[in-house]
Amino acid sequence: GGKKVIDNNEVPSITSDGPQMRIKVKDKCLELGRQSEDMKKHVDEEVLVPLIIGVASEVLNDFKEQLGKALSGDCGDNAVCVDDKESVQKILKENQNWQRWFTVAKVKGAPRMKAKTKDYSEEKSWPGSEHLGDCLRAMIVCRGGKESGDTIYQTWLQLEKAFGIKKGNGRLK
C-alpha cells in the first residue's frame, strides 16, 4: 500500500546503468599479468570478489547500526532489530507496539557474486564486480493498518537521508 504514496504514485527508480563502486586496485592487479581476457576474468572473480566480501564483512555491523539509527524515532518508535528471522514472531510479541522491524542479511556469498560478476562483465563492462550493487542487504517491514502509508513514506525519507540514496546510489526492490 505504501508504494503509492511515494513520488507521484510510483516507486522511485534509483538504479543506475553505471558501476556501483570504483575499485582502484583493479588496474594494478591486471598489470601483474599479461592483461589478457583470462587475467581479467581471474582478477575480477578471484581477487576483486573476495576483496569486496572482505570489505562488506568488515562494515556489516556498522551498516546494521547505521540502519537502526536511521530508523529511530520519527514514526513514534525505534525500529525493532531482528537478528534471526525464525524468531520474528516471538520478538514482535515482546515489542507489541512495534511500527517497523528490520533485519540485515549476511554478506552475499562468493558463488553468487562471481556469477553476477561474470554476467556484468559480459553485459556492461570490465570489471563486472564494480557493478555489484547489493553486497550488503537489509529488509524493513512496516506494520500494516490505517497509518501504514505514512510509516512507509517516513521510513523511505529516513533511509534516503541516512544513506544518501539517489539515482545511481542505492537500490530499492
N, C-alpha and C. Protein backbone atom coordinates (compact mmCIF):
# COMPACT_ATOMS: atom_id res chain seq x y z
N GLY A 1 0.79 -1.19 0.00
CA GLY A 1 0.00 0.00 0.00
C GLY A 1 0.83 1.25 0.00
N GLY A 2 1.96 1.28 0.71
CA GLY A 2 2.75 2.49 0.87
C GLY A 2 3.46 2.93 -0.39
N LYS A 3 3.66 2.02 -1.33
CA LYS A 3 4.34 2.39 -2.57
C LYS A 3 3.61 3.51 -3.30
N LYS A 4 2.31 3.57 -3.13
CA LYS A 4 1.51 4.55 -3.86
C LYS A 4 1.69 5.98 -3.34
N VAL A 5 2.20 6.15 -2.13
CA VAL A 5 2.35 7.50 -1.59
C VAL A 5 3.70 8.11 -1.93
N ILE A 6 4.55 7.36 -2.58
CA ILE A 6 5.89 7.84 -2.88
C ILE A 6 5.97 8.32 -4.32
N ASP A 7 6.50 9.51 -4.50
CA ASP A 7 6.88 10.03 -5.81
C ASP A 7 5.76 9.93 -6.85
N ASN A 8 4.71 10.68 -6.65
CA ASN A 8 3.62 10.74 -7.63
C ASN A 8 3.03 9.38 -7.97
N ASN A 9 2.72 8.60 -6.97
CA ASN A 9 2.09 7.28 -7.13
C ASN A 9 2.98 6.25 -7.80
N GLU A 10 4.28 6.46 -7.82
CA GLU A 10 5.20 5.49 -8.40
C GLU A 10 6.35 5.24 -7.43
N VAL A 11 6.88 4.04 -7.46
CA VAL A 11 8.08 3.76 -6.68
C VAL A 11 9.24 4.42 -7.41
N PRO A 12 10.04 5.22 -6.71
CA PRO A 12 11.13 5.90 -7.40
C PRO A 12 12.19 4.91 -7.88
N SER A 13 12.74 5.18 -9.03
CA SER A 13 13.82 4.36 -9.55
C SER A 13 15.13 4.98 -9.14
N ILE A 14 15.96 4.22 -8.46
CA ILE A 14 17.24 4.75 -8.03
C ILE A 14 18.40 3.93 -8.58
N THR A 15 18.10 3.05 -9.51
CA THR A 15 19.15 2.23 -10.08
C THR A 15 19.90 3.01 -11.14
N SER A 16 21.05 2.47 -11.51
CA SER A 16 21.90 3.12 -12.49
C SER A 16 22.50 2.07 -13.40
N ASP A 17 22.81 2.45 -14.62
CA ASP A 17 23.50 1.53 -15.52
C ASP A 17 25.00 1.53 -15.27
N GLY A 18 25.49 2.53 -14.58
CA GLY A 18 26.92 2.65 -14.32
C GLY A 18 27.36 1.80 -13.15
N PRO A 19 28.68 1.75 -12.93
CA PRO A 19 29.21 0.98 -11.80
C PRO A 19 28.66 1.46 -10.47
N GLN A 20 28.49 0.54 -9.53
CA GLN A 20 28.03 0.87 -8.19
C GLN A 20 29.20 1.34 -7.32
N MET A 21 30.41 0.96 -7.70
CA MET A 21 31.61 1.33 -6.94
C MET A 21 32.80 1.33 -7.89
N ARG A 22 33.83 2.04 -7.50
CA ARG A 22 35.09 2.04 -8.26
C ARG A 22 36.13 1.30 -7.44
N ILE A 23 36.78 0.33 -8.06
CA ILE A 23 37.80 -0.46 -7.38
C ILE A 23 39.14 -0.08 -8.00
N LYS A 24 39.85 0.82 -7.32
CA LYS A 24 41.06 1.41 -7.90
C LYS A 24 42.19 0.40 -8.09
N VAL A 25 42.23 -0.64 -7.29
CA VAL A 25 43.32 -1.61 -7.35
C VAL A 25 43.21 -2.54 -8.56
N LYS A 26 42.09 -2.51 -9.27
CA LYS A 26 41.86 -3.45 -10.38
C LYS A 26 42.95 -3.35 -11.45
N ASP A 27 43.34 -2.14 -11.83
CA ASP A 27 44.33 -1.98 -12.89
C ASP A 27 45.71 -2.46 -12.46
N LYS A 28 46.07 -2.20 -11.21
CA LYS A 28 47.36 -2.68 -10.69
C LYS A 28 47.39 -4.21 -10.69
N CYS A 29 46.29 -4.83 -10.33
CA CYS A 29 46.22 -6.30 -10.35
C CYS A 29 46.35 -6.81 -11.78
N LEU A 30 45.70 -6.18 -12.70
CA LEU A 30 45.74 -6.59 -14.10
C LEU A 30 47.16 -6.46 -14.67
N GLU A 31 47.87 -5.43 -14.26
CA GLU A 31 49.24 -5.19 -14.74
C GLU A 31 50.22 -6.28 -14.29
N LEU A 32 49.87 -7.03 -13.28
CA LEU A 32 50.75 -8.10 -12.80
C LEU A 32 50.82 -9.27 -13.78
N GLY A 33 49.85 -9.35 -14.67
CA GLY A 33 49.82 -10.40 -15.68
C GLY A 33 49.98 -9.80 -17.06
N ARG A 34 49.49 -10.49 -18.05
CA ARG A 34 49.60 -10.04 -19.43
C ARG A 34 48.39 -9.23 -19.89
N GLN A 35 47.50 -8.94 -18.98
CA GLN A 35 46.29 -8.17 -19.27
C GLN A 35 45.38 -8.86 -20.29
N SER A 36 45.47 -10.18 -20.32
CA SER A 36 44.65 -10.97 -21.23
C SER A 36 43.22 -11.07 -20.70
N GLU A 37 42.34 -11.61 -21.52
CA GLU A 37 40.95 -11.82 -21.10
C GLU A 37 40.90 -12.80 -19.93
N ASP A 38 41.76 -13.84 -19.96
CA ASP A 38 41.81 -14.79 -18.85
C ASP A 38 42.25 -14.09 -17.56
N MET A 39 43.23 -13.20 -17.67
CA MET A 39 43.71 -12.47 -16.49
C MET A 39 42.60 -11.56 -15.96
N LYS A 40 41.87 -10.89 -16.86
CA LYS A 40 40.77 -10.03 -16.44
C LYS A 40 39.73 -10.83 -15.66
N LYS A 41 39.37 -12.00 -16.20
CA LYS A 41 38.38 -12.86 -15.55
C LYS A 41 38.88 -13.29 -14.17
N HIS A 42 40.14 -13.70 -14.12
CA HIS A 42 40.70 -14.15 -12.85
C HIS A 42 40.74 -13.01 -11.83
N VAL A 43 41.19 -11.84 -12.23
CA VAL A 43 41.24 -10.70 -11.31
C VAL A 43 39.84 -10.37 -10.81
N ASP A 44 38.88 -10.34 -11.73
CA ASP A 44 37.52 -9.98 -11.37
C ASP A 44 36.90 -10.97 -10.38
N GLU A 45 37.00 -12.25 -10.70
CA GLU A 45 36.30 -13.27 -9.90
C GLU A 45 37.10 -13.78 -8.71
N GLU A 46 38.43 -13.84 -8.84
CA GLU A 46 39.23 -14.48 -7.78
C GLU A 46 39.99 -13.49 -6.90
N VAL A 47 40.07 -12.24 -7.31
CA VAL A 47 40.75 -11.23 -6.50
C VAL A 47 39.75 -10.18 -5.99
N LEU A 48 39.01 -9.59 -6.92
CA LEU A 48 38.12 -8.49 -6.53
C LEU A 48 36.89 -8.97 -5.74
N VAL A 49 36.29 -10.09 -6.12
CA VAL A 49 35.13 -10.58 -5.37
C VAL A 49 35.50 -10.89 -3.92
N PRO A 50 36.60 -11.62 -3.63
CA PRO A 50 36.96 -11.82 -2.22
C PRO A 50 37.29 -10.51 -1.50
N LEU A 51 37.87 -9.56 -2.21
CA LEU A 51 38.15 -8.25 -1.61
C LEU A 51 36.84 -7.56 -1.21
N ILE A 52 35.86 -7.58 -2.10
CA ILE A 52 34.56 -6.98 -1.81
C ILE A 52 33.89 -7.68 -0.63
N ILE A 53 33.97 -9.00 -0.59
CA ILE A 53 33.40 -9.75 0.52
C ILE A 53 34.09 -9.36 1.83
N GLY A 54 35.40 -9.23 1.79
CA GLY A 54 36.15 -8.83 2.99
C GLY A 54 35.74 -7.45 3.49
N VAL A 55 35.63 -6.50 2.58
CA VAL A 55 35.23 -5.14 2.96
C VAL A 55 33.79 -5.14 3.48
N ALA A 56 32.89 -5.82 2.77
CA ALA A 56 31.50 -5.88 3.20
C ALA A 56 31.37 -6.53 4.58
N SER A 57 32.12 -7.58 4.82
CA SER A 57 32.10 -8.25 6.13
C SER A 57 32.61 -7.31 7.22
N GLU A 58 33.61 -6.54 6.87
CA GLU A 58 34.19 -5.60 7.83
C GLU A 58 33.19 -4.52 8.26
N VAL A 59 32.34 -4.07 7.36
CA VAL A 59 31.43 -2.97 7.67
C VAL A 59 29.99 -3.42 7.95
N LEU A 60 29.73 -4.72 7.93
CA LEU A 60 28.36 -5.22 8.11
C LEU A 60 27.73 -4.73 9.41
N ASN A 61 28.44 -4.82 10.52
CA ASN A 61 27.86 -4.38 11.79
C ASN A 61 27.66 -2.86 11.82
N ASP A 62 28.56 -2.11 11.17
CA ASP A 62 28.37 -0.66 11.07
C ASP A 62 27.11 -0.35 10.27
N PHE A 63 26.89 -1.10 9.18
CA PHE A 63 25.69 -0.92 8.37
C PHE A 63 24.43 -1.16 9.20
N LYS A 64 24.45 -2.24 9.97
CA LYS A 64 23.30 -2.59 10.81
C LYS A 64 23.05 -1.49 11.85
N GLU A 65 24.11 -1.00 12.46
CA GLU A 65 23.99 0.06 13.46
C GLU A 65 23.46 1.35 12.83
N GLN A 66 23.99 1.71 11.67
CA GLN A 66 23.54 2.92 10.97
C GLN A 66 22.08 2.80 10.55
N LEU A 67 21.68 1.63 10.13
CA LEU A 67 20.28 1.39 9.75
C LEU A 67 19.38 1.57 10.97
N GLY A 68 19.77 1.01 12.10
CA GLY A 68 18.99 1.17 13.33
C GLY A 68 18.86 2.63 13.72
N LYS A 69 19.96 3.39 13.62
CA LYS A 69 19.91 4.82 13.94
C LYS A 69 19.01 5.56 12.96
N ALA A 70 19.09 5.22 11.70
CA ALA A 70 18.27 5.89 10.68
C ALA A 70 16.79 5.67 10.94
N LEU A 71 16.43 4.54 11.49
CA LEU A 71 15.03 4.20 11.69
C LEU A 71 14.52 4.55 13.09
N SER A 72 15.29 5.25 13.86
CA SER A 72 14.89 5.58 15.23
C SER A 72 14.03 6.82 15.28
N GLY A 73 12.90 6.71 15.95
CA GLY A 73 12.15 7.84 16.42
C GLY A 73 11.09 8.51 15.59
N ASP A 74 11.27 8.73 14.31
CA ASP A 74 10.34 9.60 13.57
C ASP A 74 8.96 8.99 13.34
N CYS A 75 8.79 7.74 13.60
CA CYS A 75 7.46 7.13 13.46
C CYS A 75 6.90 6.77 14.83
N GLY A 76 7.39 7.47 15.87
CA GLY A 76 6.92 7.22 17.22
C GLY A 76 7.46 5.92 17.79
N ASP A 77 8.58 5.47 17.27
CA ASP A 77 9.13 4.20 17.73
C ASP A 77 10.62 4.16 17.44
N ASN A 78 11.22 3.14 17.95
CA ASN A 78 12.53 2.71 17.49
C ASN A 78 12.27 1.39 16.79
N ALA A 79 12.79 1.25 15.60
CA ALA A 79 12.56 0.01 14.86
C ALA A 79 13.16 -1.16 15.64
N VAL A 80 12.51 -2.28 15.54
CA VAL A 80 12.96 -3.49 16.23
C VAL A 80 13.90 -4.24 15.29
N CYS A 81 15.09 -4.52 15.79
CA CYS A 81 16.05 -5.30 15.00
C CYS A 81 15.82 -6.78 15.28
N VAL A 82 15.71 -7.54 14.21
CA VAL A 82 15.51 -8.99 14.32
C VAL A 82 16.73 -9.66 13.69
N ASP A 83 17.56 -10.25 14.52
CA ASP A 83 18.77 -10.91 14.01
C ASP A 83 18.47 -12.25 13.37
N ASP A 84 17.49 -12.95 13.89
CA ASP A 84 17.13 -14.27 13.38
C ASP A 84 15.67 -14.24 12.94
N LYS A 85 15.45 -14.27 11.63
CA LYS A 85 14.07 -14.17 11.12
C LYS A 85 13.18 -15.29 11.64
N GLU A 86 13.76 -16.40 12.07
CA GLU A 86 12.96 -17.51 12.61
C GLU A 86 12.29 -17.10 13.92
N SER A 87 12.85 -16.11 14.63
CA SER A 87 12.26 -15.69 15.91
C SER A 87 11.47 -14.40 15.81
N VAL A 88 11.12 -13.98 14.61
CA VAL A 88 10.45 -12.69 14.45
C VAL A 88 9.13 -12.63 15.22
N GLN A 89 8.32 -13.67 15.19
CA GLN A 89 7.03 -13.64 15.89
C GLN A 89 7.22 -13.47 17.40
N LYS A 90 8.18 -14.18 17.94
CA LYS A 90 8.46 -14.08 19.38
C LYS A 90 8.94 -12.67 19.73
N ILE A 91 9.84 -12.13 18.94
CA ILE A 91 10.38 -10.79 19.20
C ILE A 91 9.30 -9.73 19.08
N LEU A 92 8.44 -9.85 18.08
CA LEU A 92 7.38 -8.85 17.92
C LEU A 92 6.33 -8.94 19.03
N LYS A 93 6.10 -10.15 19.56
CA LYS A 93 5.19 -10.29 20.71
C LYS A 93 5.76 -9.57 21.93
N GLU A 94 7.09 -9.58 22.06
CA GLU A 94 7.76 -8.88 23.16
C GLU A 94 7.76 -7.37 22.95
N ASN A 95 7.56 -6.92 21.73
CA ASN A 95 7.54 -5.49 21.38
C ASN A 95 6.22 -5.18 20.69
N GLN A 96 5.12 -5.28 21.44
CA GLN A 96 3.79 -5.22 20.84
C GLN A 96 3.46 -3.90 20.16
N ASN A 97 4.13 -2.84 20.49
CA ASN A 97 3.85 -1.54 19.88
C ASN A 97 4.77 -1.25 18.69
N TRP A 98 5.39 -2.26 18.15
CA TRP A 98 6.31 -2.04 17.04
C TRP A 98 5.59 -1.41 15.85
N GLN A 99 6.29 -0.56 15.15
CA GLN A 99 5.78 0.01 13.91
C GLN A 99 6.59 -0.49 12.71
N ARG A 100 7.89 -0.80 13.00
CA ARG A 100 8.78 -1.30 11.95
C ARG A 100 9.75 -2.29 12.57
N TRP A 101 10.11 -3.28 11.79
CA TRP A 101 11.21 -4.15 12.19
C TRP A 101 12.13 -4.32 11.00
N PHE A 102 13.38 -4.63 11.30
CA PHE A 102 14.34 -4.81 10.21
C PHE A 102 15.29 -5.94 10.54
N THR A 103 15.84 -6.48 9.48
CA THR A 103 16.87 -7.50 9.61
C THR A 103 17.93 -7.24 8.54
N VAL A 104 19.14 -7.59 8.86
CA VAL A 104 20.26 -7.42 7.93
C VAL A 104 20.75 -8.81 7.54
N ALA A 105 20.83 -9.05 6.25
CA ALA A 105 21.26 -10.36 5.75
C ALA A 105 22.78 -10.50 5.85
N LYS A 106 23.22 -11.72 5.77
CA LYS A 106 24.66 -11.97 5.67
C LYS A 106 25.17 -11.36 4.37
N VAL A 107 26.46 -11.13 4.31
CA VAL A 107 27.07 -10.64 3.07
C VAL A 107 26.81 -11.68 1.99
N LYS A 108 26.46 -11.21 0.81
CA LYS A 108 26.19 -12.11 -0.32
C LYS A 108 27.40 -13.04 -0.51
N GLY A 109 27.15 -14.29 -0.80
CA GLY A 109 28.20 -15.29 -0.91
C GLY A 109 29.01 -15.19 -2.20
N ALA A 110 30.21 -15.74 -2.14
CA ALA A 110 31.13 -15.68 -3.29
C ALA A 110 30.57 -16.33 -4.55
N PRO A 111 29.94 -17.51 -4.49
CA PRO A 111 29.44 -18.10 -5.73
C PRO A 111 28.44 -17.19 -6.45
N ARG A 112 27.53 -16.58 -5.70
CA ARG A 112 26.54 -15.69 -6.31
C ARG A 112 27.21 -14.42 -6.86
N MET A 113 28.15 -13.87 -6.09
CA MET A 113 28.86 -12.68 -6.56
C MET A 113 29.65 -12.96 -7.83
N LYS A 114 30.29 -14.12 -7.88
CA LYS A 114 31.07 -14.48 -9.07
C LYS A 114 30.17 -14.62 -10.29
N ALA A 115 29.01 -15.24 -10.10
CA ALA A 115 28.07 -15.40 -11.22
C ALA A 115 27.59 -14.04 -11.72
N LYS A 116 27.24 -13.14 -10.78
CA LYS A 116 26.80 -11.80 -11.17
C LYS A 116 27.95 -11.03 -11.83
N THR A 117 29.15 -11.19 -11.31
CA THR A 117 30.32 -10.52 -11.87
C THR A 117 30.54 -10.93 -13.32
N LYS A 118 30.42 -12.23 -13.58
CA LYS A 118 30.57 -12.73 -14.95
C LYS A 118 29.52 -12.13 -15.86
N ASP A 119 28.26 -12.13 -15.41
CA ASP A 119 27.17 -11.54 -16.19
C ASP A 119 27.43 -10.06 -16.48
N TYR A 120 27.80 -9.32 -15.44
CA TYR A 120 28.01 -7.88 -15.61
C TYR A 120 29.20 -7.58 -16.53
N SER A 121 30.23 -8.42 -16.47
CA SER A 121 31.38 -8.22 -17.38
C SER A 121 30.95 -8.38 -18.83
N GLU A 122 30.05 -9.33 -19.08
CA GLU A 122 29.56 -9.56 -20.44
C GLU A 122 28.54 -8.51 -20.86
N GLU A 123 27.65 -8.11 -19.95
CA GLU A 123 26.56 -7.19 -20.28
C GLU A 123 26.96 -5.72 -20.22
N LYS A 124 27.87 -5.39 -19.33
CA LYS A 124 28.17 -3.97 -19.08
C LYS A 124 29.62 -3.67 -19.41
N SER A 125 30.51 -3.87 -18.47
CA SER A 125 31.93 -3.59 -18.71
C SER A 125 32.77 -4.31 -17.67
N TRP A 126 34.06 -4.40 -17.97
CA TRP A 126 35.00 -4.98 -17.02
C TRP A 126 35.46 -3.89 -16.08
N PRO A 127 35.65 -4.19 -14.83
CA PRO A 127 35.34 -5.43 -14.14
C PRO A 127 33.86 -5.48 -13.74
N GLY A 128 33.27 -6.62 -13.93
CA GLY A 128 31.87 -6.78 -13.57
C GLY A 128 31.61 -6.59 -12.09
N SER A 129 32.64 -6.85 -11.28
CA SER A 129 32.47 -6.70 -9.83
C SER A 129 32.15 -5.27 -9.42
N GLU A 130 32.53 -4.29 -10.25
CA GLU A 130 32.19 -2.90 -9.93
C GLU A 130 30.69 -2.64 -10.05
N HIS A 131 29.98 -3.52 -10.69
CA HIS A 131 28.53 -3.34 -10.87
C HIS A 131 27.72 -4.07 -9.81
N LEU A 132 28.38 -4.81 -8.91
CA LEU A 132 27.66 -5.47 -7.82
C LEU A 132 27.03 -4.39 -6.95
N GLY A 133 25.74 -4.48 -6.74
CA GLY A 133 25.06 -3.40 -6.03
C GLY A 133 24.39 -3.78 -4.74
N ASP A 134 24.42 -5.04 -4.35
CA ASP A 134 23.70 -5.40 -3.14
C ASP A 134 24.49 -6.39 -2.29
N CYS A 135 25.74 -6.05 -2.05
CA CYS A 135 26.58 -6.91 -1.20
C CYS A 135 26.11 -6.85 0.25
N LEU A 136 25.63 -5.68 0.66
CA LEU A 136 25.00 -5.50 1.97
C LEU A 136 23.50 -5.34 1.73
N ARG A 137 22.72 -6.14 2.43
CA ARG A 137 21.27 -6.14 2.18
C ARG A 137 20.51 -6.12 3.49
N ALA A 138 19.38 -5.44 3.47
CA ALA A 138 18.51 -5.39 4.64
C ALA A 138 17.06 -5.47 4.19
N MET A 139 16.22 -5.87 5.11
CA MET A 139 14.78 -5.88 4.86
C MET A 139 14.12 -5.11 5.99
N ILE A 140 13.22 -4.21 5.62
CA ILE A 140 12.48 -3.43 6.61
C ILE A 140 11.00 -3.72 6.40
N VAL A 141 10.31 -4.03 7.48
CA VAL A 141 8.89 -4.33 7.43
C VAL A 141 8.16 -3.29 8.25
N CYS A 142 7.18 -2.63 7.61
CA CYS A 142 6.33 -1.66 8.31
C CYS A 142 5.00 -2.32 8.64
N ARG A 143 4.50 -2.01 9.81
CA ARG A 143 3.23 -2.57 10.27
C ARG A 143 2.09 -2.09 9.37
N GLY A 144 1.18 -2.96 9.05
CA GLY A 144 0.01 -2.59 8.25
C GLY A 144 -1.00 -1.83 9.09
N GLY A 145 -2.00 -1.32 8.43
CA GLY A 145 -3.07 -0.61 9.14
C GLY A 145 -3.29 0.77 8.56
N LYS A 146 -4.11 1.53 9.25
CA LYS A 146 -4.56 2.83 8.78
C LYS A 146 -3.42 3.80 8.49
N GLU A 147 -2.40 3.78 9.30
CA GLU A 147 -1.28 4.73 9.17
C GLU A 147 -0.09 4.15 8.41
N SER A 148 -0.24 2.98 7.81
CA SER A 148 0.92 2.32 7.22
C SER A 148 1.54 3.11 6.08
N GLY A 149 0.74 3.77 5.28
CA GLY A 149 1.29 4.56 4.18
C GLY A 149 2.21 5.65 4.69
N ASP A 150 1.83 6.33 5.78
CA ASP A 150 2.67 7.36 6.37
C ASP A 150 3.97 6.76 6.91
N THR A 151 3.85 5.61 7.55
CA THR A 151 5.03 4.94 8.10
C THR A 151 5.99 4.54 6.99
N ILE A 152 5.46 3.99 5.93
CA ILE A 152 6.31 3.58 4.81
C ILE A 152 6.99 4.79 4.19
N TYR A 153 6.24 5.86 3.99
CA TYR A 153 6.81 7.06 3.40
C TYR A 153 7.88 7.67 4.31
N GLN A 154 7.60 7.77 5.60
CA GLN A 154 8.58 8.31 6.55
C GLN A 154 9.84 7.44 6.59
N THR A 155 9.65 6.14 6.53
CA THR A 155 10.80 5.22 6.51
C THR A 155 11.65 5.47 5.28
N TRP A 156 11.01 5.62 4.13
CA TRP A 156 11.76 5.91 2.89
C TRP A 156 12.57 7.20 3.04
N LEU A 157 11.96 8.26 3.58
CA LEU A 157 12.66 9.53 3.74
C LEU A 157 13.86 9.38 4.67
N GLN A 158 13.69 8.62 5.75
CA GLN A 158 14.78 8.40 6.69
C GLN A 158 15.94 7.65 6.04
N LEU A 159 15.63 6.64 5.26
CA LEU A 159 16.68 5.87 4.58
C LEU A 159 17.38 6.72 3.52
N GLU A 160 16.59 7.46 2.77
CA GLU A 160 17.13 8.33 1.72
C GLU A 160 18.15 9.30 2.32
N LYS A 161 17.79 9.90 3.44
CA LYS A 161 18.67 10.87 4.10
C LYS A 161 19.90 10.19 4.71
N ALA A 162 19.69 9.12 5.45
CA ALA A 162 20.79 8.48 6.18
C ALA A 162 21.83 7.86 5.26
N PHE A 163 21.40 7.33 4.11
CA PHE A 163 22.32 6.62 3.24
C PHE A 163 22.60 7.34 1.93
N GLY A 164 22.12 8.56 1.79
CA GLY A 164 22.39 9.33 0.58
C GLY A 164 21.84 8.65 -0.67
N ILE A 165 20.66 8.04 -0.54
CA ILE A 165 20.08 7.30 -1.66
C ILE A 165 19.61 8.30 -2.72
N LYS A 166 20.06 8.06 -3.94
CA LYS A 166 19.67 8.88 -5.08
C LYS A 166 19.94 8.05 -6.33
N LYS A 167 19.56 8.55 -7.48
CA LYS A 167 19.79 7.80 -8.71
C LYS A 167 21.27 7.43 -8.81
N GLY A 168 21.53 6.16 -9.00
CA GLY A 168 22.90 5.68 -9.12
C GLY A 168 23.54 5.31 -7.79
N ASN A 169 22.88 5.58 -6.66
CA ASN A 169 23.43 5.25 -5.36
C ASN A 169 22.32 4.64 -4.50
N GLY A 170 22.22 3.35 -4.53
CA GLY A 170 21.20 2.65 -3.76
C GLY A 170 20.33 1.81 -4.66
N ARG A 171 19.55 0.97 -4.03
CA ARG A 171 18.68 0.09 -4.80
C ARG A 171 17.46 -0.24 -3.99
N LEU A 172 16.30 -0.18 -4.60
CA LEU A 172 15.04 -0.46 -3.93
C LEU A 172 14.36 -1.59 -4.66
N LYS A 173 13.93 -2.61 -3.91
CA LYS A 173 13.20 -3.72 -4.51
C LYS A 173 11.84 -3.79 -3.91
